[in-house]
Amino acid sequence: MYAIVEIAGQQFKVNKDQKIYVHRQEGEAGDKLTFDRVYLIEDDQDVKVGMPVVSGASVDASIVSHVRGDKVLVFKKKRRKSYQKMTGHRQDFTQILIEGITV
């Protein structure tokens, strides 16, 4: 059984007991989350597709930890102008555990 759900503006294909990284969510480690924007649910042979969402469906999850991604370096240069600039960015992520998919 899997579902396609929208979490923080992005769509994810999730299964039960799967750990995924999503954009930073509010809450502490151990808190429960519920996502109700479920676009598709597949259960063995049955497929339910929403228009745009499946009514009454939700995905339950819990926060495992808050982490930061790898550093992304941004280098800017204008030739012959003696201009160089290097900056870095680290994105904040939340690791969540999918606990169940309800129809």
Protein backbone atom coordinates (compact mmCIF):
# COMPACT_ATOMS: atom_id res chain seq x y z
CA MET A 1 0.00 0.00 0.00
CA TYR A 2 1.32 3.42 -0.91
CA ALA A 3 0.01 6.95 -1.21
CA ILE A 4 0.99 10.14 -2.98
CA VAL A 5 0.74 12.99 -0.51
CA GLU A 6 1.62 16.69 -0.48
CA ILE A 7 3.97 17.69 2.34
CA ALA A 8 5.22 21.29 2.58
CA GLY A 9 4.37 22.03 -1.05
CA GLN A 10 6.05 18.92 -2.49
CA GLN A 11 4.57 15.57 -3.50
CA PHE A 12 5.98 12.35 -2.04
CA LYS A 13 5.23 8.68 -2.67
CA VAL A 14 5.10 7.15 0.82
CA ASN A 15 4.74 3.66 2.29
CA LYS A 16 4.07 2.59 5.87
CA ASP A 17 7.21 2.54 8.09
CA GLN A 18 9.20 4.64 5.58
CA LYS A 19 11.52 7.44 6.69
CA ILE A 20 11.72 10.51 4.45
CA TYR A 21 13.29 13.96 4.60
CA VAL A 22 10.94 16.91 4.08
CA HIS A 23 11.33 20.65 4.45
CA ARG A 24 11.44 21.84 8.06
CA GLN A 25 8.22 21.11 10.01
CA GLU A 26 7.10 22.68 13.25
CA GLY A 27 7.39 20.53 16.36
CA GLU A 28 9.87 18.52 18.38
CA ALA A 29 11.15 14.97 17.96
CA GLY A 30 8.36 12.52 18.77
CA ASP A 31 5.48 14.85 17.81
CA LYS A 32 2.70 13.48 15.60
CA LEU A 33 1.82 14.99 12.22
CA THR A 34 -1.21 14.42 9.96
CA PHE A 35 -1.25 15.20 6.25
CA ASP A 36 -4.66 15.30 4.57
CA ARG A 37 -3.69 16.36 1.04
CA VAL A 38 -3.63 12.80 -0.35
CA TYR A 39 -3.82 12.65 -4.14
CA LEU A 40 -3.71 8.88 -4.72
CA ILE A 41 -3.96 5.70 -2.67
CA GLU A 42 -3.04 2.25 -4.02
CA ASP A 43 -4.09 -0.76 -1.93
CA ASP A 44 -3.26 -4.12 -3.58
CA GLN A 45 -5.53 -4.07 -6.65
CA ASP A 46 -7.63 -1.02 -5.75
CA VAL A 47 -6.52 2.49 -6.80
CA LYS A 48 -8.28 5.61 -5.54
CA VAL A 49 -7.52 8.85 -7.35
CA GLY A 50 -8.72 12.16 -5.94
CA MET A 51 -10.21 15.11 -7.78
CA PRO A 52 -7.94 16.79 -6.59
CA VAL A 53 -7.69 14.98 -3.22
CA VAL A 54 -9.10 11.70 -1.90
CA SER A 55 -11.85 12.63 0.56
CA GLY A 56 -11.39 11.29 4.08
CA ALA A 57 -7.85 10.04 3.44
CA SER A 58 -4.88 11.03 5.55
CA VAL A 59 -1.28 10.06 6.27
CA ASP A 60 -0.08 9.91 9.87
CA ALA A 61 3.59 10.51 10.66
CA SER A 62 5.89 11.33 13.54
CA ILE A 63 8.97 13.52 13.67
CA VAL A 64 12.21 11.57 14.08
CA SER A 65 14.73 14.44 14.04
CA HIS A 66 15.63 17.83 12.62
CA VAL A 67 18.75 17.89 10.44
CA ARG A 68 20.56 20.18 8.03
CA GLY A 69 21.48 19.25 4.48
CA ASP A 70 24.87 19.39 2.82
CA LYS A 71 26.36 22.79 2.09
CA VAL A 72 25.67 24.15 -1.38
CA LEU A 73 28.34 26.59 -2.56
CA VAL A 74 27.34 29.54 -4.75
CA PHE A 75 30.19 31.22 -6.64
CA LYS A 76 29.65 34.47 -8.52
CA LYS A 77 32.22 36.11 -10.77
CA LYS A 78 32.32 38.92 -13.30
CA ARG A 79 35.32 38.65 -15.52
CA ARG A 80 37.64 41.60 -15.95
CA LYS A 81 35.86 43.47 -13.14
CA SER A 82 37.82 41.90 -10.25
CA TYR A 83 34.55 40.76 -8.66
CA GLN A 84 34.31 37.38 -6.96
CA LYS A 85 31.95 36.25 -4.27
CA MET A 86 31.41 32.83 -2.69
CA THR A 87 28.52 32.06 -0.37
CA GLY A 88 27.10 28.87 1.06
CA HIS A 89 23.69 27.61 2.06
CA ARG A 90 22.47 24.69 4.18
CA GLN A 91 18.80 23.74 3.98
CA ASP A 92 16.91 22.69 7.13
CA PHE A 93 15.13 19.32 6.87
CA THR A 94 12.94 17.20 9.11
CA GLN A 95 13.16 13.42 9.06
CA ILE A 96 9.70 11.90 9.50
CA LEU A 97 8.48 8.32 9.90
CA ILE A 98 5.26 7.38 8.11
CA GLU A 99 3.16 5.51 10.69
CA GLY A 100 0.02 4.80 8.71
CA ILE A 101 -2.19 5.55 5.73
CA THR A 102 -5.93 5.80 6.40
CA VAL A 103 -8.58 5.81 3.71
